Amino acid sequence: VDPVLYETRADEAGARALADALARAAVDVVTLASPSALDALAATAGSDALARARVVTIGRVTSEAVRARGLAVAAEAAAPDAESLAAAVLRAATASAHRTGR
């Protein structure tokens, strides 16, 4: 028997709320830490809604999954940790602010 190290479980109410916010363009940045999180969010919100926000990933594998769905990766964390992910979010948000003037 293989041990289960972790399991992604969808927070359906949270996913619906996020999908609604994405549809209203009320979300600037979405962070993804795994391809399974992307799958769960895309199943609820749809790839079109995700395309409205900047997508920031925790690493190469998640970035590849995002691109495989035809979405852009705004930034990728330099290392798979919270500090690097936060730095990637800042890069994505700052780059967007410079482009849009917000």
N, C-alpha and C. Protein backbone atom coordinates (compact mmCIF):
# COMPACT_ATOMS: atom_id res chain seq x y z
N VAL A 1 0.86 -1.18 0.00
CA VAL A 1 0.00 0.00 0.00
C VAL A 1 0.90 1.24 0.00
N ASP A 2 0.65 2.10 -0.95
CA ASP A 2 1.39 3.35 -1.02
C ASP A 2 0.74 4.38 -0.09
N PRO A 3 1.54 5.04 0.72
CA PRO A 3 0.96 6.07 1.61
C PRO A 3 0.55 7.29 0.80
N VAL A 4 -0.51 7.93 1.21
CA VAL A 4 -0.95 9.17 0.59
C VAL A 4 -0.27 10.31 1.34
N LEU A 5 0.57 11.05 0.62
CA LEU A 5 1.29 12.16 1.25
C LEU A 5 0.44 13.42 1.35
N TYR A 6 -0.32 13.64 0.33
CA TYR A 6 -1.30 14.73 0.37
C TYR A 6 -2.35 14.46 -0.68
N GLU A 7 -3.46 15.12 -0.53
CA GLU A 7 -4.56 14.95 -1.47
C GLU A 7 -5.22 16.31 -1.66
N THR A 8 -5.38 16.70 -2.90
CA THR A 8 -6.06 17.96 -3.19
C THR A 8 -7.55 17.73 -3.12
N ARG A 9 -8.21 18.52 -2.31
CA ARG A 9 -9.66 18.46 -2.20
C ARG A 9 -10.22 19.83 -2.53
N ALA A 10 -11.21 19.83 -3.38
CA ALA A 10 -11.80 21.10 -3.80
C ALA A 10 -12.64 21.68 -2.67
N ASP A 11 -12.49 22.96 -2.45
CA ASP A 11 -13.37 23.73 -1.58
C ASP A 11 -14.42 24.31 -2.51
N GLU A 12 -15.51 23.59 -2.67
CA GLU A 12 -16.49 23.96 -3.70
C GLU A 12 -17.07 25.36 -3.49
N ALA A 13 -17.39 25.71 -2.26
CA ALA A 13 -17.94 27.05 -2.01
C ALA A 13 -16.89 28.12 -2.31
N GLY A 14 -15.67 27.88 -1.89
CA GLY A 14 -14.59 28.82 -2.17
C GLY A 14 -14.30 28.91 -3.66
N ALA A 15 -14.33 27.78 -4.33
CA ALA A 15 -14.07 27.76 -5.78
C ALA A 15 -15.16 28.53 -6.52
N ARG A 16 -16.41 28.36 -6.10
CA ARG A 16 -17.50 29.11 -6.74
C ARG A 16 -17.34 30.62 -6.50
N ALA A 17 -16.96 30.99 -5.29
CA ALA A 17 -16.75 32.41 -4.99
C ALA A 17 -15.60 32.97 -5.82
N LEU A 18 -14.53 32.20 -5.96
CA LEU A 18 -13.41 32.64 -6.78
C LEU A 18 -13.82 32.71 -8.24
N ALA A 19 -14.57 31.74 -8.72
CA ALA A 19 -15.04 31.76 -10.11
C ALA A 19 -15.87 33.01 -10.38
N ASP A 20 -16.73 33.37 -9.42
CA ASP A 20 -17.55 34.58 -9.56
C ASP A 20 -16.66 35.82 -9.60
N ALA A 21 -15.67 35.87 -8.71
CA ALA A 21 -14.76 37.02 -8.68
C ALA A 21 -13.94 37.10 -9.98
N LEU A 22 -13.50 35.95 -10.50
CA LEU A 22 -12.78 35.95 -11.77
C LEU A 22 -13.67 36.45 -12.90
N ALA A 23 -14.91 36.03 -12.91
CA ALA A 23 -15.85 36.45 -13.96
C ALA A 23 -16.07 37.95 -13.93
N ARG A 24 -16.01 38.55 -12.73
CA ARG A 24 -16.19 40.00 -12.58
C ARG A 24 -14.88 40.76 -12.74
N ALA A 25 -13.80 40.04 -13.04
CA ALA A 25 -12.46 40.64 -13.16
C ALA A 25 -12.06 41.32 -11.86
N ALA A 26 -12.47 40.74 -10.74
CA ALA A 26 -12.16 41.30 -9.42
C ALA A 26 -10.92 40.66 -8.80
N VAL A 27 -10.25 39.80 -9.54
CA VAL A 27 -9.05 39.11 -9.06
C VAL A 27 -7.88 39.53 -9.94
N ASP A 28 -6.82 40.00 -9.32
CA ASP A 28 -5.64 40.41 -10.07
C ASP A 28 -4.68 39.25 -10.32
N VAL A 29 -4.45 38.44 -9.27
CA VAL A 29 -3.45 37.38 -9.35
C VAL A 29 -4.02 36.10 -8.76
N VAL A 30 -3.80 34.98 -9.46
CA VAL A 30 -4.14 33.66 -8.95
C VAL A 30 -2.84 32.91 -8.75
N THR A 31 -2.63 32.35 -7.56
CA THR A 31 -1.43 31.55 -7.32
C THR A 31 -1.81 30.08 -7.37
N LEU A 32 -0.95 29.30 -8.00
CA LEU A 32 -1.17 27.87 -8.10
C LEU A 32 0.07 27.13 -7.65
N ALA A 33 -0.13 26.15 -6.77
CA ALA A 33 1.00 25.39 -6.22
C ALA A 33 1.04 23.96 -6.72
N SER A 34 0.13 23.58 -7.61
CA SER A 34 0.17 22.22 -8.16
C SER A 34 -0.74 22.13 -9.38
N PRO A 35 -0.42 21.20 -10.29
CA PRO A 35 -1.32 20.98 -11.41
C PRO A 35 -2.71 20.54 -10.96
N SER A 36 -2.81 19.79 -9.88
CA SER A 36 -4.14 19.35 -9.43
C SER A 36 -4.96 20.53 -8.92
N ALA A 37 -4.32 21.53 -8.34
CA ALA A 37 -5.05 22.74 -7.94
C ALA A 37 -5.56 23.48 -9.17
N LEU A 38 -4.74 23.54 -10.22
CA LEU A 38 -5.17 24.13 -11.48
C LEU A 38 -6.37 23.39 -12.04
N ASP A 39 -6.30 22.06 -12.04
CA ASP A 39 -7.41 21.26 -12.56
C ASP A 39 -8.70 21.54 -11.80
N ALA A 40 -8.61 21.60 -10.47
CA ALA A 40 -9.79 21.85 -9.65
C ALA A 40 -10.37 23.23 -9.92
N LEU A 41 -9.51 24.23 -10.01
CA LEU A 41 -9.98 25.59 -10.25
C LEU A 41 -10.55 25.72 -11.66
N ALA A 42 -9.89 25.15 -12.64
CA ALA A 42 -10.38 25.23 -14.02
C ALA A 42 -11.72 24.51 -14.17
N ALA A 43 -11.92 23.43 -13.42
CA ALA A 43 -13.18 22.71 -13.49
C ALA A 43 -14.34 23.56 -12.98
N THR A 44 -14.07 24.41 -12.01
CA THR A 44 -15.11 25.26 -11.44
C THR A 44 -15.23 26.59 -12.18
N ALA A 45 -14.09 27.25 -12.39
CA ALA A 45 -14.12 28.59 -12.96
C ALA A 45 -14.05 28.60 -14.48
N GLY A 46 -13.36 27.61 -15.04
CA GLY A 46 -13.16 27.58 -16.49
C GLY A 46 -11.89 28.32 -16.87
N SER A 47 -11.27 27.87 -17.93
CA SER A 47 -10.02 28.48 -18.39
C SER A 47 -10.22 29.92 -18.84
N ASP A 48 -11.39 30.24 -19.40
CA ASP A 48 -11.64 31.62 -19.84
C ASP A 48 -11.59 32.58 -18.66
N ALA A 49 -12.18 32.17 -17.54
CA ALA A 49 -12.15 33.03 -16.35
C ALA A 49 -10.74 33.16 -15.81
N LEU A 50 -10.00 32.06 -15.82
CA LEU A 50 -8.61 32.12 -15.33
C LEU A 50 -7.76 33.03 -16.20
N ALA A 51 -8.06 33.11 -17.47
CA ALA A 51 -7.28 33.95 -18.38
C ALA A 51 -7.41 35.44 -18.04
N ARG A 52 -8.41 35.81 -17.26
CA ARG A 52 -8.61 37.21 -16.89
C ARG A 52 -7.66 37.67 -15.79
N ALA A 53 -7.03 36.74 -15.10
CA ALA A 53 -6.12 37.08 -14.00
C ALA A 53 -4.70 36.70 -14.38
N ARG A 54 -3.74 37.30 -13.69
CA ARG A 54 -2.36 36.89 -13.86
C ARG A 54 -2.16 35.61 -13.05
N VAL A 55 -1.59 34.61 -13.66
CA VAL A 55 -1.36 33.33 -13.00
C VAL A 55 0.10 33.25 -12.57
N VAL A 56 0.29 32.98 -11.29
CA VAL A 56 1.62 32.83 -10.71
C VAL A 56 1.73 31.40 -10.19
N THR A 57 2.82 30.73 -10.52
CA THR A 57 2.98 29.33 -10.14
C THR A 57 4.16 29.14 -9.20
N ILE A 58 4.14 28.00 -8.53
CA ILE A 58 5.20 27.67 -7.58
C ILE A 58 6.39 26.99 -8.25
N GLY A 59 6.24 26.58 -9.51
CA GLY A 59 7.37 25.94 -10.16
C GLY A 59 7.08 25.47 -11.57
N ARG A 60 8.11 24.84 -12.15
CA ARG A 60 8.10 24.44 -13.55
C ARG A 60 6.95 23.51 -13.92
N VAL A 61 6.69 22.49 -13.09
CA VAL A 61 5.65 21.51 -13.42
C VAL A 61 4.28 22.19 -13.47
N THR A 62 4.00 23.04 -12.53
CA THR A 62 2.72 23.75 -12.52
C THR A 62 2.65 24.73 -13.69
N SER A 63 3.75 25.39 -13.99
CA SER A 63 3.77 26.30 -15.14
C SER A 63 3.48 25.55 -16.44
N GLU A 64 4.07 24.38 -16.60
CA GLU A 64 3.82 23.58 -17.80
C GLU A 64 2.34 23.20 -17.91
N ALA A 65 1.72 22.86 -16.78
CA ALA A 65 0.29 22.52 -16.78
C ALA A 65 -0.56 23.72 -17.17
N VAL A 66 -0.19 24.91 -16.68
CA VAL A 66 -0.91 26.13 -17.02
C VAL A 66 -0.81 26.39 -18.53
N ARG A 67 0.39 26.30 -19.05
CA ARG A 67 0.59 26.54 -20.49
C ARG A 67 -0.12 25.49 -21.34
N ALA A 68 -0.18 24.25 -20.85
CA ALA A 68 -0.87 23.19 -21.59
C ALA A 68 -2.36 23.50 -21.74
N ARG A 69 -2.90 24.30 -20.84
CA ARG A 69 -4.31 24.72 -20.94
C ARG A 69 -4.47 25.97 -21.80
N GLY A 70 -3.37 26.44 -22.37
CA GLY A 70 -3.42 27.63 -23.21
C GLY A 70 -3.41 28.93 -22.45
N LEU A 71 -3.02 28.87 -21.19
CA LEU A 71 -2.98 30.07 -20.35
C LEU A 71 -1.55 30.57 -20.23
N ALA A 72 -1.41 31.84 -19.92
CA ALA A 72 -0.10 32.44 -19.73
C ALA A 72 0.31 32.36 -18.26
N VAL A 73 1.59 32.23 -18.04
CA VAL A 73 2.16 32.29 -16.69
C VAL A 73 2.78 33.67 -16.54
N ALA A 74 2.26 34.45 -15.60
CA ALA A 74 2.78 35.80 -15.37
C ALA A 74 4.10 35.77 -14.65
N ALA A 75 4.28 34.82 -13.75
CA ALA A 75 5.54 34.67 -13.02
C ALA A 75 5.58 33.28 -12.41
N GLU A 76 6.81 32.80 -12.22
CA GLU A 76 7.04 31.50 -11.61
C GLU A 76 8.00 31.68 -10.44
N ALA A 77 7.70 31.05 -9.33
CA ALA A 77 8.56 31.14 -8.16
C ALA A 77 9.94 30.57 -8.48
N ALA A 78 10.98 31.20 -7.95
CA ALA A 78 12.35 30.75 -8.17
C ALA A 78 12.63 29.44 -7.43
N ALA A 79 11.92 29.21 -6.34
CA ALA A 79 12.05 27.99 -5.54
C ALA A 79 10.66 27.63 -5.03
N PRO A 80 10.43 26.36 -4.74
CA PRO A 80 9.08 25.94 -4.30
C PRO A 80 8.84 26.21 -2.82
N ASP A 81 8.82 27.48 -2.45
CA ASP A 81 8.54 27.84 -1.06
C ASP A 81 7.71 29.12 -1.02
N ALA A 82 7.15 29.39 0.14
CA ALA A 82 6.23 30.52 0.29
C ALA A 82 6.90 31.86 -0.02
N GLU A 83 8.13 32.04 0.42
CA GLU A 83 8.83 33.30 0.18
C GLU A 83 9.03 33.54 -1.32
N SER A 84 9.44 32.53 -2.04
CA SER A 84 9.65 32.67 -3.48
C SER A 84 8.32 32.89 -4.21
N LEU A 85 7.27 32.22 -3.76
CA LEU A 85 5.96 32.42 -4.37
C LEU A 85 5.48 33.85 -4.15
N ALA A 86 5.68 34.36 -2.94
CA ALA A 86 5.29 35.75 -2.64
C ALA A 86 6.08 36.73 -3.51
N ALA A 87 7.36 36.47 -3.71
CA ALA A 87 8.18 37.33 -4.56
C ALA A 87 7.68 37.28 -6.01
N ALA A 88 7.26 36.11 -6.47
CA ALA A 88 6.73 35.99 -7.83
C ALA A 88 5.42 36.76 -7.97
N VAL A 89 4.57 36.72 -6.95
CA VAL A 89 3.33 37.50 -6.97
C VAL A 89 3.65 38.99 -7.07
N LEU A 90 4.62 39.45 -6.30
CA LEU A 90 5.00 40.87 -6.37
C LEU A 90 5.51 41.24 -7.75
N ARG A 91 6.33 40.36 -8.36
CA ARG A 91 6.82 40.63 -9.72
C ARG A 91 5.66 40.75 -10.70
N ALA A 92 4.71 39.82 -10.61
CA ALA A 92 3.58 39.84 -11.54
C ALA A 92 2.72 41.08 -11.33
N ALA A 93 2.47 41.42 -10.08
CA ALA A 93 1.63 42.58 -9.78
C ALA A 93 2.32 43.87 -10.17
N THR A 94 3.61 43.96 -9.93
CA THR A 94 4.37 45.17 -10.27
C THR A 94 4.46 45.35 -11.78
N ALA A 95 4.72 44.27 -12.49
CA ALA A 95 4.78 44.35 -13.95
C ALA A 95 3.45 44.79 -14.52
N SER A 96 2.36 44.28 -13.98
CA SER A 96 1.05 44.65 -14.45
C SER A 96 0.73 46.11 -14.14
N ALA A 97 1.11 46.57 -12.97
CA ALA A 97 0.85 47.96 -12.59
C ALA A 97 1.58 48.91 -13.52
N HIS A 98 2.78 48.55 -13.94
CA HIS A 98 3.54 49.40 -14.84
C HIS A 98 2.89 49.44 -16.22
N ARG A 99 2.32 48.30 -16.66
CA ARG A 99 1.68 48.23 -17.97
C ARG A 99 0.34 48.98 -17.98
N THR A 100 -0.42 48.85 -16.88
CA THR A 100 -1.78 49.40 -16.87
C THR A 100 -1.89 50.76 -16.19
N GLY A 101 -0.86 51.16 -15.45
CA GLY A 101 -0.93 52.42 -14.74
C GLY A 101 -1.70 52.35 -13.45
N ARG A 102 -2.04 51.09 -13.00
CA ARG A 102 -2.79 50.94 -11.75
C ARG A 102 -1.84 50.85 -10.59
